Structures are given as structure tokens and as C-alpha cells.
Amino acid sequence: MNRDHRLKRLRFRAWHRGTKEADLLIGGFFDAHSASWNDEQIAWYEILLEEQDVDIMGWAIGSIAVPSQFDGPMMAQMKAMGYVPIAE
């Protein structure tokens, strides 16, 4: 699958998580950072999206310890997101 197709698929999955809060955090993170991702970072995000939303959100806000497989620079970026612009 080519890069553009992978990113398009990931964007859809990131913004259709099931709750507005998860959509904003996970989809907002994708929109803010995905343009600069390399293949390894795209693969990390694909694996991350297989996890439960409550876990991803807990890791991002720091209420749950991040498993070693997800702990690193990208999770640090997700934790550093101060807000996600909300379209009206």
C-alpha cells in the first residue's frame, strides 16, 4: 500500500474512534503531525490505533503508564498537545 493511501486510511480511523474526545485527541494528533512522518512512524501509529481509546487517552494525559512499545518521541508529542482546534 502506498504512503498516501496509508495516511488517508489512518486519518479516517483516527477521526472515527467512537467518542468525540477520542476523535479530537487521536485525530487531532494525526492532523498536527502526520505530514512529517516517515514509514516507521506511520507503522507505529497503525499499531497504536489497534489499542483501546481509553488506554491511548490515558497514556496521552498521563493517567496510565505508557507501555514500552509505545513510549518514545511520538507519545511524547501526543502528551505535549495542549489543545486541538475544534471546527464549528
PDB file of N, CA and C in Angstrom:
ATOM      1  N   MET A   1       0.851  -1.165   0.000  1.00  0.00           N
ATOM      2  CA  MET A   1       0.000   0.000   0.000  1.00  0.00           C
ATOM      3  C   MET A   1       0.909   1.245   0.000  1.00  0.00           C
ATOM      4  N   ASN A   2       0.598   2.206  -0.840  1.00  0.00           N
ATOM      5  CA  ASN A   2       1.458   3.386  -0.911  1.00  0.00           C
ATOM      6  C   ASN A   2       1.204   4.339   0.264  1.00  0.00           C
ATOM      7  N   ARG A   3       2.127   5.248   0.452  1.00  0.00           N
ATOM      8  CA  ARG A   3       2.102   6.166   1.595  1.00  0.00           C
ATOM      9  C   ARG A   3       0.809   6.982   1.669  1.00  0.00           C
ATOM     10  N   ASP A   4       0.395   7.563   0.558  1.00  0.00           N
ATOM     11  CA  ASP A   4      -0.809   8.398   0.558  1.00  0.00           C
ATOM     12  C   ASP A   4      -2.042   7.605   0.971  1.00  0.00           C
ATOM     13  N   HIS A   5      -2.147   6.391   0.463  1.00  0.00           N
ATOM     14  CA  HIS A   5      -3.289   5.542   0.817  1.00  0.00           C
ATOM     15  C   HIS A   5      -3.253   5.168   2.299  1.00  0.00           C
ATOM     16  N   ARG A   6      -2.087   4.835   2.811  1.00  0.00           N
ATOM     17  CA  ARG A   6      -1.945   4.506   4.233  1.00  0.00           C
ATOM     18  C   ARG A   6      -2.367   5.688   5.097  1.00  0.00           C
ATOM     19  N   LEU A   7      -1.895   6.885   4.745  1.00  0.00           N
ATOM     20  CA  LEU A   7      -2.232   8.067   5.530  1.00  0.00           C
ATOM     21  C   LEU A   7      -3.715   8.401   5.455  1.00  0.00           C
ATOM     22  N   LYS A   8      -4.302   8.248   4.299  1.00  0.00           N
ATOM     23  CA  LYS A   8      -5.741   8.507   4.151  1.00  0.00           C
ATOM     24  C   LYS A   8      -6.545   7.539   5.019  1.00  0.00           C
ATOM     25  N   ARG A   9      -6.158   6.282   5.002  1.00  0.00           N
ATOM     26  CA  ARG A   9      -6.832   5.264   5.810  1.00  0.00           C
ATOM     27  C   ARG A   9      -6.655   5.558   7.303  1.00  0.00           C
ATOM     28  N   LEU A  10      -5.436   5.931   7.686  1.00  0.00           N
ATOM     29  CA  LEU A  10      -5.171   6.253   9.085  1.00  0.00           C
ATOM     30  C   LEU A  10      -5.938   7.480   9.543  1.00  0.00           C
ATOM     31  N   ARG A  11      -6.029   8.480   8.685  1.00  0.00           N
ATOM     32  CA  ARG A  11      -6.778   9.687   9.064  1.00  0.00           C
ATOM     33  C   ARG A  11      -8.237   9.345   9.343  1.00  0.00           C
ATOM     34  N   PHE A  12      -8.831   8.518   8.491  1.00  0.00           N
ATOM     35  CA  PHE A  12     -10.214   8.109   8.720  1.00  0.00           C
ATOM     36  C   PHE A  12     -10.340   7.381  10.057  1.00  0.00           C
ATOM     37  N   ARG A  13      -9.466   6.426  10.295  1.00  0.00           N
ATOM     38  CA  ARG A  13      -9.509   5.652  11.547  1.00  0.00           C
ATOM     39  C   ARG A  13      -9.265   6.541  12.765  1.00  0.00           C
ATOM     40  N   ALA A  14      -8.389   7.528  12.619  1.00  0.00           N
ATOM     41  CA  ALA A  14      -8.072   8.418  13.731  1.00  0.00           C
ATOM     42  C   ALA A  14      -9.258   9.304  14.103  1.00  0.00           C
ATOM     43  N   TRP A  15     -10.053   9.691  13.123  1.00  0.00           N
ATOM     44  CA  TRP A  15     -11.163  10.608  13.364  1.00  0.00           C
ATOM     45  C   TRP A  15     -12.500   9.900  13.573  1.00  0.00           C
ATOM     46  N   HIS A  16     -12.517   8.582  13.546  1.00  0.00           N
ATOM     47  CA  HIS A  16     -13.766   7.825  13.738  1.00  0.00           C
ATOM     48  C   HIS A  16     -13.566   6.773  14.822  1.00  0.00           C
ATOM     49  N   ARG A  17     -13.269   7.232  16.022  1.00  0.00           N
ATOM     50  CA  ARG A  17     -12.945   6.343  17.134  1.00  0.00           C
ATOM     51  C   ARG A  17     -14.178   5.923  17.917  1.00  0.00           C
ATOM     52  N   GLY A  18     -15.224   6.725  17.916  1.00  0.00           N
ATOM     53  CA  GLY A  18     -16.427   6.350  18.639  1.00  0.00           C
ATOM     54  C   GLY A  18     -16.860   7.363  19.681  1.00  0.00           C
ATOM     55  N   THR A  19     -15.911   8.162  20.161  1.00  0.00           N
ATOM     56  CA  THR A  19     -16.273   9.243  21.079  1.00  0.00           C
ATOM     57  C   THR A  19     -15.627  10.526  20.586  1.00  0.00           C
ATOM     58  N   LYS A  20     -16.271  11.628  20.852  1.00  0.00           N
ATOM     59  CA  LYS A  20     -15.757  12.925  20.411  1.00  0.00           C
ATOM     60  C   LYS A  20     -14.386  13.213  21.022  1.00  0.00           C
ATOM     61  N   GLU A  21     -14.219  12.866  22.294  1.00  0.00           N
ATOM     62  CA  GLU A  21     -12.945  13.118  22.972  1.00  0.00           C
ATOM     63  C   GLU A  21     -11.804  12.358  22.310  1.00  0.00           C
ATOM     64  N   ALA A  22     -12.039  11.093  22.011  1.00  0.00           N
ATOM     65  CA  ALA A  22     -11.005  10.277  21.356  1.00  0.00           C
ATOM     66  C   ALA A  22     -10.737  10.789  19.948  1.00  0.00           C
ATOM     67  N   ASP A  23     -11.797  11.152  19.238  1.00  0.00           N
ATOM     68  CA  ASP A  23     -11.614  11.704  17.889  1.00  0.00           C
ATOM     69  C   ASP A  23     -10.725  12.944  17.931  1.00  0.00           C
ATOM     70  N   LEU A  24     -10.992  13.831  18.877  1.00  0.00           N
ATOM     71  CA  LEU A  24     -10.226  15.075  18.958  1.00  0.00           C
ATOM     72  C   LEU A  24      -8.767  14.828  19.315  1.00  0.00           C
ATOM     73  N   LEU A  25      -8.522  13.951  20.272  1.00  0.00           N
ATOM     74  CA  LEU A  25      -7.147  13.694  20.676  1.00  0.00           C
ATOM     75  C   LEU A  25      -6.391  12.913  19.606  1.00  0.00           C
ATOM     76  N   ILE A  26      -6.928  11.796  19.203  1.00  0.00           N
ATOM     77  CA  ILE A  26      -6.223  10.904  18.289  1.00  0.00           C
ATOM     78  C   ILE A  26      -6.208  11.474  16.872  1.00  0.00           C
ATOM     79  N   GLY A  27      -7.348  11.993  16.425  1.00  0.00           N
ATOM     80  CA  GLY A  27      -7.404  12.617  15.108  1.00  0.00           C
ATOM     81  C   GLY A  27      -6.649  13.934  15.053  1.00  0.00           C
ATOM     82  N   GLY A  28      -6.749  14.718  16.124  1.00  0.00           N
ATOM     83  CA  GLY A  28      -6.019  15.983  16.179  1.00  0.00           C
ATOM     84  C   GLY A  28      -4.516  15.769  16.145  1.00  0.00           C
ATOM     85  N   PHE A  29      -4.050  14.732  16.839  1.00  0.00           N
ATOM     86  CA  PHE A  29      -2.634  14.395  16.812  1.00  0.00           C
ATOM     87  C   PHE A  29      -2.215  14.014  15.391  1.00  0.00           C
ATOM     88  N   PHE A  30      -3.021  13.209  14.737  1.00  0.00           N
ATOM     89  CA  PHE A  30      -2.724  12.816  13.359  1.00  0.00           C
ATOM     90  C   PHE A  30      -2.610  14.048  12.465  1.00  0.00           C
ATOM     91  N   ASP A  31      -3.593  14.929  12.524  1.00  0.00           N
ATOM     92  CA  ASP A  31      -3.586  16.120  11.668  1.00  0.00           C
ATOM     93  C   ASP A  31      -2.383  17.020  11.941  1.00  0.00           C
ATOM     94  N   ALA A  32      -1.990  17.116  13.202  1.00  0.00           N
ATOM     95  CA  ALA A  32      -0.892  18.003  13.570  1.00  0.00           C
ATOM     96  C   ALA A  32       0.476  17.471  13.157  1.00  0.00           C
ATOM     97  N   HIS A  33       0.635  16.148  13.057  1.00  0.00           N
ATOM     98  CA  HIS A  33       1.975  15.595  12.896  1.00  0.00           C
ATOM     99  C   HIS A  33       2.199  14.668  11.700  1.00  0.00           C
ATOM    100  N   SER A  34       1.166  14.122  11.125  1.00  0.00           N
ATOM    101  CA  SER A  34       1.342  13.052  10.131  1.00  0.00           C
ATOM    102  C   SER A  34       2.077  13.465   8.860  1.00  0.00           C
ATOM    103  N   ALA A  35       2.011  14.720   8.496  1.00  0.00           N
ATOM    104  CA  ALA A  35       2.661  15.156   7.250  1.00  0.00           C
ATOM    105  C   ALA A  35       4.163  14.926   7.258  1.00  0.00           C
ATOM    106  N   SER A  36       4.760  14.916   8.435  1.00  0.00           N
ATOM    107  CA  SER A  36       6.214  14.748   8.520  1.00  0.00           C
ATOM    108  C   SER A  36       6.648  13.331   8.894  1.00  0.00           C
ATOM    109  N   TRP A  37       5.710  12.408   9.046  1.00  0.00           N
ATOM    110  CA  TRP A  37       6.053  11.054   9.471  1.00  0.00           C
ATOM    111  C   TRP A  37       6.774  10.271   8.386  1.00  0.00           C
ATOM    112  N   ASN A  38       7.740   9.460   8.825  1.00  0.00           N
ATOM    113  CA  ASN A  38       8.390   8.506   7.928  1.00  0.00           C
ATOM    114  C   ASN A  38       7.656   7.165   8.035  1.00  0.00           C
ATOM    115  N   ASP A  39       8.113   6.177   7.298  1.00  0.00           N
ATOM    116  CA  ASP A  39       7.422   4.880   7.291  1.00  0.00           C
ATOM    117  C   ASP A  39       7.387   4.225   8.667  1.00  0.00           C
ATOM    118  N   GLU A  40       8.442   4.372   9.434  1.00  0.00           N
ATOM    119  CA  GLU A  40       8.483   3.787  10.780  1.00  0.00           C
ATOM    120  C   GLU A  40       7.455   4.446  11.695  1.00  0.00           C
ATOM    121  N   GLN A  41       7.319   5.745  11.590  1.00  0.00           N
ATOM    122  CA  GLN A  41       6.344   6.459  12.411  1.00  0.00           C
ATOM    123  C   GLN A  41       4.915   6.131  11.992  1.00  0.00           C
ATOM    124  N   ILE A  42       4.693   5.977  10.707  1.00  0.00           N
ATOM    125  CA  ILE A  42       3.368   5.562  10.229  1.00  0.00           C
ATOM    126  C   ILE A  42       3.038   4.185  10.778  1.00  0.00           C
ATOM    127  N   ALA A  43       3.993   3.263  10.755  1.00  0.00           N
ATOM    128  CA  ALA A  43       3.777   1.915  11.281  1.00  0.00           C
ATOM    129  C   ALA A  43       3.461   1.962  12.780  1.00  0.00           C
ATOM    130  N   TRP A  44       4.165   2.823  13.532  1.00  0.00           N
ATOM    131  CA  TRP A  44       3.899   2.975  14.964  1.00  0.00           C
ATOM    132  C   TRP A  44       2.451   3.407  15.181  1.00  0.00           C
ATOM    133  N   TYR A  45       2.008   4.378  14.393  1.00  0.00           N
ATOM    134  CA  TYR A  45       0.650   4.898  14.547  1.00  0.00           C
ATOM    135  C   TYR A  45      -0.385   3.842  14.161  1.00  0.00           C
ATOM    136  N   GLU A  46      -0.106   3.069  13.127  1.00  0.00           N
ATOM    137  CA  GLU A  46      -1.019   1.992  12.748  1.00  0.00           C
ATOM    138  C   GLU A  46      -1.207   1.004  13.898  1.00  0.00           C
ATOM    139  N   ILE A  47      -0.119   0.670  14.567  1.00  0.00           N
ATOM    140  CA  ILE A  47      -0.193  -0.251  15.707  1.00  0.00           C
ATOM    141  C   ILE A  47      -0.919   0.409  16.875  1.00  0.00           C
ATOM    142  N   LEU A  48      -0.634   1.676  17.120  1.00  0.00           N
ATOM    143  CA  LEU A  48      -1.301   2.408  18.202  1.00  0.00           C
ATOM    144  C   LEU A  48      -2.814   2.377  18.029  1.00  0.00           C
ATOM    145  N   LEU A  49      -3.285   2.544  16.819  1.00  0.00           N
ATOM    146  CA  LEU A  49      -4.726   2.601  16.575  1.00  0.00           C
ATOM    147  C   LEU A  49      -5.441   1.279  16.848  1.00  0.00           C
ATOM    148  N   GLU A  50      -4.698   0.213  17.013  1.00  0.00           N
ATOM    149  CA  GLU A  50      -5.296  -1.074  17.372  1.00  0.00           C
ATOM    150  C   GLU A  50      -5.638  -1.133  18.862  1.00  0.00           C
ATOM    151  N   GLU A  51      -5.103  -0.202  19.645  1.00  0.00           N
ATOM    152  CA  GLU A  51      -5.335  -0.176  21.091  1.00  0.00           C
ATOM    153  C   GLU A  51      -6.685   0.473  21.404  1.00  0.00           C
ATOM    154  N   GLN A  52      -7.136   0.255  22.632  1.00  0.00           N
ATOM    155  CA  GLN A  52      -8.396   0.827  23.081  1.00  0.00           C
ATOM    156  C   GLN A  52      -8.247   2.339  23.278  1.00  0.00           C
ATOM    157  N   ASP A  53      -9.282   3.078  22.948  1.00  0.00           N
ATOM    158  CA  ASP A  53      -9.268   4.534  23.083  1.00  0.00           C
ATOM    159  C   ASP A  53      -8.968   4.975  24.513  1.00  0.00           C
ATOM    160  N   VAL A  54      -9.565   4.308  25.493  1.00  0.00           N
ATOM    161  CA  VAL A  54      -9.345   4.712  26.884  1.00  0.00           C
ATOM    162  C   VAL A  54      -7.881   4.556  27.271  1.00  0.00           C
ATOM    163  N   ASP A  55      -7.218   3.550  26.721  1.00  0.00           N
ATOM    164  CA  ASP A  55      -5.793   3.371  27.005  1.00  0.00           C
ATOM    165  C   ASP A  55      -4.968   4.464  26.340  1.00  0.00           C
ATOM    166  N   ILE A  56      -5.223   4.714  25.063  1.00  0.00           N
ATOM    167  CA  ILE A  56      -4.484   5.755  24.338  1.00  0.00           C
ATOM    168  C   ILE A  56      -4.653   7.100  25.038  1.00  0.00           C
ATOM    169  N   MET A  57      -5.878   7.414  25.392  1.00  0.00           N
ATOM    170  CA  MET A  57      -6.137   8.692  26.051  1.00  0.00           C
ATOM    171  C   MET A  57      -5.468   8.745  27.428  1.00  0.00           C
ATOM    172  N   GLY A  58      -5.505   7.653  28.159  1.00  0.00           N
ATOM    173  CA  GLY A  58      -4.844   7.600  29.463  1.00  0.00           C
ATOM    174  C   GLY A  58      -3.345   7.785  29.347  1.00  0.00           C
ATOM    175  N   TRP A  59      -2.745   7.172  28.348  1.00  0.00           N
ATOM    176  CA  TRP A  59      -1.305   7.340  28.133  1.00  0.00           C
ATOM    177  C   TRP A  59      -0.995   8.790  27.787  1.00  0.00           C
ATOM    178  N   ALA A  60      -1.831   9.372  26.926  1.00  0.00           N
ATOM    179  CA  ALA A  60      -1.578  10.736  26.451  1.00  0.00           C
ATOM    180  C   ALA A  60      -1.730  11.773  27.557  1.00  0.00           C
ATOM    181  N   ILE A  61      -2.674  11.572  28.460  1.00  0.00           N
ATOM    182  CA  ILE A  61      -2.863  12.565  29.527  1.00  0.00           C
ATOM    183  C   ILE A  61      -2.069  12.221  30.783  1.00  0.00           C
ATOM    184  N   GLY A  62      -1.440  11.048  30.782  1.00  0.00           N
ATOM    185  CA  GLY A  62      -0.560  10.683  31.889  1.00  0.00           C
ATOM    186  C   GLY A  62      -1.234   9.995  33.059  1.00  0.00           C
ATOM    187  N   SER A  63      -2.484   9.563  32.894  1.00  0.00           N
ATOM    188  CA  SER A  63      -3.163   8.885  33.996  1.00  0.00           C
ATOM    189  C   SER A  63      -2.865   7.383  34.030  1.00  0.00           C
ATOM    190  N   ILE A  64      -2.286   6.865  32.958  1.00  0.00           N
ATOM    191  CA  ILE A  64      -1.897   5.455  32.856  1.00  0.00           C
ATOM    192  C   ILE A  64      -0.461   5.411  32.336  1.00  0.00           C
ATOM    193  N   ALA A  65       0.335   4.518  32.902  1.00  0.00           N
ATOM    194  CA  ALA A  65       1.716   4.366  32.422  1.00  0.00           C
ATOM    195  C   ALA A  65       1.714   3.871  30.977  1.00  0.00           C
ATOM    196  N   VAL A  66       2.596   4.421  30.188  1.00  0.00           N
ATOM    197  CA  VAL A  66       2.700   4.066  28.764  1.00  0.00           C
ATOM    198  C   VAL A  66       3.501   2.772  28.637  1.00  0.00           C
ATOM    199  N   PRO A  67       2.958   1.756  27.941  1.00  0.00           N
ATOM    200  CA  PRO A  67       3.723   0.538  27.698  1.00  0.00           C
ATOM    201  C   PRO A  67       4.987   0.847  26.894  1.00  0.00           C
ATOM    202  N   SER A  68       6.018   0.075  27.106  1.00  0.00           N
ATOM    203  CA  SER A  68       7.314   0.352  26.477  1.00  0.00           C
ATOM    204  C   SER A  68       7.227   0.400  24.953  1.00  0.00           C
ATOM    205  N   GLN A  69       6.361  -0.400  24.350  1.00  0.00           N
ATOM    206  CA  GLN A  69       6.273  -0.404  22.886  1.00  0.00           C
ATOM    207  C   GLN A  69       5.743   0.915  22.320  1.00  0.00           C
ATOM    208  N   PHE A  70       5.057   1.703  23.137  1.00  0.00           N
ATOM    209  CA  PHE A  70       4.529   2.980  22.670  1.00  0.00           C
ATOM    210  C   PHE A  70       5.253   4.184  23.262  1.00  0.00           C
ATOM    211  N   ASP A  71       6.086   3.941  24.255  1.00  0.00           N
ATOM    212  CA  ASP A  71       6.797   5.037  24.907  1.00  0.00           C
ATOM    213  C   ASP A  71       7.947   5.503  24.021  1.00  0.00           C
ATOM    214  N   GLY A  72       7.990   6.769  23.740  1.00  0.00           N
ATOM    215  CA  GLY A  72       9.042   7.310  22.887  1.00  0.00           C
ATOM    216  C   GLY A  72       8.671   8.686  22.383  1.00  0.00           C
ATOM    217  N   PRO A  73       9.357   9.149  21.346  1.00  0.00           N
ATOM    218  CA  PRO A  73       9.153  10.516  20.857  1.00  0.00           C
ATOM    219  C   PRO A  73       7.735  10.827  20.386  1.00  0.00           C
ATOM    220  N   MET A  74       7.088   9.869  19.736  1.00  0.00           N
ATOM    221  CA  MET A  74       5.737  10.166  19.243  1.00  0.00           C
ATOM    222  C   MET A  74       4.734  10.269  20.383  1.00  0.00           C
ATOM    223  N   MET A  75       4.867   9.407  21.384  1.00  0.00           N
ATOM    224  CA  MET A  75       3.973   9.520  22.537  1.00  0.00           C
ATOM    225  C   MET A  75       4.265  10.813  23.288  1.00  0.00           C
ATOM    226  N   ALA A  76       5.522  11.212  23.340  1.00  0.00           N
ATOM    227  CA  ALA A  76       5.861  12.491  23.972  1.00  0.00           C
ATOM    228  C   ALA A  76       5.184  13.645  23.239  1.00  0.00           C
ATOM    229  N   GLN A  77       5.128  13.576  21.899  1.00  0.00           N
ATOM    230  CA  GLN A  77       4.417  14.609  21.127  1.00  0.00           C
ATOM    231  C   GLN A  77       2.931  14.590  21.453  1.00  0.00           C
ATOM    232  N   MET A  78       2.370  13.396  21.573  1.00  0.00           N
ATOM    233  CA  MET A  78       0.946  13.297  21.880  1.00  0.00           C
ATOM    234  C   MET A  78       0.669  13.873  23.266  1.00  0.00           C
ATOM    235  N   LYS A  79       1.548  13.587  24.223  1.00  0.00           N
ATOM    236  CA  LYS A  79       1.378  14.125  25.573  1.00  0.00           C
ATOM    237  C   LYS A  79       1.504  15.643  25.600  1.00  0.00           C
ATOM    238  N   ALA A  80       2.301  16.189  24.691  1.00  0.00           N
ATOM    239  CA  ALA A  80       2.565  17.629  24.677  1.00  0.00           C
ATOM    240  C   ALA A  80       1.465  18.433  23.999  1.00  0.00           C
ATOM    241  N   MET A  81       0.509  17.775  23.359  1.00  0.00           N
ATOM    242  CA  MET A  81      -0.556  18.524  22.684  1.00  0.00           C
ATOM    243  C   MET A  81      -1.369  19.271  23.733  1.00  0.00           C
ATOM    244  N   GLY A  82      -1.366  20.577  23.636  1.00  0.00           N
ATOM    245  CA  GLY A  82      -2.088  21.395  24.609  1.00  0.00           C
ATOM    246  C   GLY A  82      -3.565  21.491  24.333  1.00  0.00           C
ATOM    247  N   TYR A  83      -3.929  21.523  23.085  1.00  0.00           N
ATOM    248  CA  TYR A  83      -5.315  21.612  22.702  1.00  0.00           C
ATOM    249  C   TYR A  83      -5.453  21.182  21.257  1.00  0.00           C
ATOM    250  N   VAL A  84      -6.664  20.922  20.868  1.00  0.00           N
ATOM    251  CA  VAL A  84      -6.968  20.572  19.485  1.00  0.00           C
ATOM    252  C   VAL A  84      -8.011  21.561  18.998  1.00  0.00           C
ATOM    253  N   PRO A  85      -7.713  22.298  17.922  1.00  0.00           N
ATOM    254  CA  PRO A  85      -8.712  23.248  17.404  1.00  0.00           C
ATOM    255  C   PRO A  85      -9.987  22.513  16.990  1.00  0.00           C
ATOM    256  N   ILE A  86     -11.115  23.052  17.376  1.00  0.00           N
ATOM    257  CA  ILE A  86     -12.402  22.431  17.071  1.00  0.00           C
ATOM    258  C   ILE A  86     -13.103  23.268  16.005  1.00  0.00           C
ATOM    259  N   ALA A  87     -13.377  22.638  14.885  1.00  0.00           N
ATOM    260  CA  ALA A  87     -14.087  23.321  13.795  1.00  0.00           C
ATOM    261  C   ALA A  87     -15.553  23.492  14.186  1.00  0.00           C
ATOM    262  N   GLU A  88     -16.092  24.619  13.860  1.00  0.00           N
ATOM    263  CA  GLU A  88     -17.506  24.864  14.175  1.00  0.00           C
ATOM    264  C   GLU A  88     -18.340  24.840  12.935  1.00  0.00           C
TER     265      GLU A  88
END
